[in-house]
């Protein structure tokens, strides 16, 4: 193998661009600090505003509960199946992103839960959730 011919020139790093950038940053911060000093010297009483509220309030999730004795509750108000569908249909037409959480007593047969979930679906609501309680023991309640 042949030896590479190295030139006798030393490798140097050109520092000019880095010095230019540092100089521009120093100027930027000097000018910025001058603006903040001049703003604090001017006596201006700025207006106060209250907290910002959204223009249209997003409705809370609706909770449909099925009690142990089979009674249907919509947000803690007793309703019939027809009233449930009608009320959810009205609310869904006004707010298409409506969420409904279906709660049922643990002793309620799954068929009754499924029938309530079907009624909610018939009203047009797409987002239906099932409320559950987290079992800390990791096992099944018997």
Protein backbone atom coordinates (compact mmCIF):
# COMPACT_ATOMS: atom_id res chain seq x y z
CA UNK A 1 0.00 0.00 0.00
CA UNK A 2 1.16 3.42 -0.81
CA UNK A 3 1.45 6.25 1.61
CA UNK A 4 -0.95 9.10 1.30
CA UNK A 5 0.61 12.36 0.49
CA UNK A 6 -0.35 14.91 3.08
CA UNK A 7 0.06 18.49 2.33
CA UNK A 8 2.05 20.55 4.71
CA UNK A 9 -0.93 22.83 5.29
CA UNK A 10 -2.47 22.92 8.74
CA UNK A 11 -6.15 22.28 9.04
CA UNK A 12 -7.85 25.35 10.50
CA UNK A 13 -11.44 26.11 11.42
CA UNK A 14 -12.86 29.28 10.00
CA UNK A 15 -14.34 31.15 12.98
CA UNK A 16 -15.72 34.09 11.02
CA UNK A 17 -19.29 32.74 10.62
CA UNK A 18 -19.50 31.84 14.32
CA UNK A 19 -18.29 35.29 15.35
CA UNK A 20 -20.92 36.86 13.06
CA UNK A 21 -23.70 34.83 14.66
CA UNK A 22 -22.55 35.67 18.20
CA UNK A 23 -22.34 39.35 17.29
CA UNK A 24 -25.92 39.28 15.90
CA UNK A 25 -27.19 37.55 19.05
CA UNK A 26 -25.54 40.17 21.26
CA UNK A 27 -27.17 42.96 19.24
CA UNK A 28 -30.55 41.20 19.40
CA UNK A 29 -30.49 40.88 23.19
CA UNK A 30 -29.25 44.45 23.65
CA UNK A 31 -32.10 45.82 21.54
CA UNK A 32 -34.63 43.56 23.31
CA UNK A 33 -33.55 44.74 26.73
CA UNK A 34 -33.94 48.36 25.64
CA UNK A 35 -37.56 47.72 24.64
CA UNK A 36 -38.47 46.19 27.98
CA UNK A 37 -36.94 49.15 29.85
CA UNK A 38 -38.87 51.67 27.78
CA UNK A 39 -42.16 49.82 28.31
CA UNK A 40 -41.80 49.84 32.07
CA UNK A 41 -41.03 53.58 32.12
CA UNK A 42 -44.36 54.51 30.51
CA UNK A 43 -47.18 54.82 33.04
CA UNK A 44 -50.15 53.10 31.41
CA UNK A 45 -53.12 51.59 33.17
CA UNK A 46 -53.98 48.51 31.12
CA UNK A 47 -57.59 47.27 31.13
CA UNK A 48 -58.54 44.24 33.22
CA UNK A 49 -60.62 41.37 31.89
CA UNK A 50 -62.35 38.43 33.53
CA UNK A 51 -61.58 34.81 32.83
CA UNK A 52 -62.13 33.66 29.26
CA UNK A 53 -65.19 31.48 28.81
CA UNK A 54 -65.93 29.43 25.70
CA UNK A 55 -68.50 30.90 23.38
CA UNK A 56 -70.59 27.73 23.30
CA UNK A 57 -70.54 25.43 26.28
CA UNK A 58 -69.93 21.78 25.52
CA UNK A 59 -72.53 19.66 27.32
CA UNK A 60 -71.37 17.28 29.98
CA UNK A 61 -71.54 13.54 29.45
CA UNK A 62 -75.03 12.20 29.95
CA UNK A 63 -75.33 9.36 32.45
CA UNK A 64 -78.01 6.72 31.99
CA UNK A 65 -78.39 4.57 35.10
CA UNK A 66 -80.24 1.30 35.41
CA UNK A 67 -81.17 0.56 39.01
CA UNK A 68 -81.44 -2.85 40.61
CA UNK A 69 -85.23 -2.76 40.32
CA UNK A 70 -85.09 -1.89 36.58
CA UNK A 71 -85.81 1.83 36.78
CA UNK A 72 -84.08 3.99 34.14
CA UNK A 73 -82.51 7.29 35.26
CA UNK A 74 -81.13 9.99 32.96
CA UNK A 75 -78.83 12.29 34.95
CA UNK A 76 -80.54 11.21 38.19
CA UNK A 77 -84.05 11.89 36.80
CA UNK A 78 -86.39 8.90 36.30
CA UNK A 79 -87.47 8.44 32.68
CA UNK A 80 -89.29 5.87 30.60
CA UNK A 81 -87.66 4.18 27.61
CA UNK A 82 -89.52 6.45 25.19
CA UNK A 83 -88.56 9.58 27.13
CA UNK A 84 -84.93 8.43 27.19
CA UNK A 85 -84.79 8.01 23.42
CA UNK A 86 -86.61 11.30 22.80
CA UNK A 87 -84.45 13.35 25.15
CA UNK A 88 -81.17 11.88 23.88
CA UNK A 89 -82.31 12.37 20.27
CA UNK A 90 -83.00 16.06 20.95
CA UNK A 91 -79.66 16.56 22.67
CA UNK A 92 -77.78 14.64 19.96
CA UNK A 93 -79.34 16.78 17.23
CA UNK A 94 -78.02 19.90 18.98
CA UNK A 95 -74.61 18.45 19.81
CA UNK A 96 -73.47 15.52 17.59
CA UNK A 97 -70.40 14.77 19.75
CA UNK A 98 -72.58 13.89 22.74
CA UNK A 99 -71.17 11.18 25.04
CA UNK A 100 -73.41 8.86 27.04
CA UNK A 101 -72.25 6.71 29.95
CA UNK A 102 -74.46 3.74 30.79
CA UNK A 103 -74.35 2.57 34.42
CA UNK A 104 -76.05 -0.56 35.64
CA UNK A 105 -76.21 -2.26 39.01
CA UNK A 106 -73.83 -5.22 39.23
CA UNK A 107 -76.75 -7.56 39.90
CA UNK A 108 -78.63 -6.39 36.79
CA UNK A 109 -78.74 -8.99 34.00
CA UNK A 110 -76.59 -8.12 30.98
CA UNK A 111 -79.69 -8.30 28.78
CA UNK A 112 -81.22 -5.26 30.52
CA UNK A 113 -77.93 -3.37 30.11
CA UNK A 114 -77.80 -4.29 26.42
CA UNK A 115 -81.38 -3.11 25.88
CA UNK A 116 -80.57 0.29 27.42
CA UNK A 117 -77.40 0.59 25.33
CA UNK A 118 -79.49 -0.22 22.24
CA UNK A 119 -81.98 2.56 23.14
CA UNK A 120 -79.10 5.01 23.48
CA UNK A 121 -77.79 3.89 20.08
CA UNK A 122 -81.25 4.34 18.53
CA UNK A 123 -81.19 7.99 19.61
CA UNK A 124 -78.21 8.51 17.29
CA UNK A 125 -75.48 8.78 19.91
CA UNK A 126 -72.25 7.25 18.66
CA UNK A 127 -70.11 7.47 21.79
CA UNK A 128 -71.44 5.11 24.45
CA UNK A 129 -69.37 4.06 27.46
CA UNK A 130 -69.95 1.51 30.20
CA UNK A 131 -69.34 2.61 33.78
CA UNK A 132 -67.39 0.08 35.84
CA UNK A 133 -65.74 0.00 39.24
CA UNK A 134 -62.07 -0.96 39.36
CA UNK A 135 -61.47 -4.05 41.48
CA UNK A 136 -58.27 -3.41 43.48
CA UNK A 137 -57.84 -7.09 44.37
CA UNK A 138 -57.52 -8.07 40.71
CA UNK A 139 -60.04 -10.86 41.11
CA UNK A 140 -63.66 -11.40 40.26
CA UNK A 141 -66.39 -10.53 42.76
CA UNK A 142 -68.54 -13.51 43.65
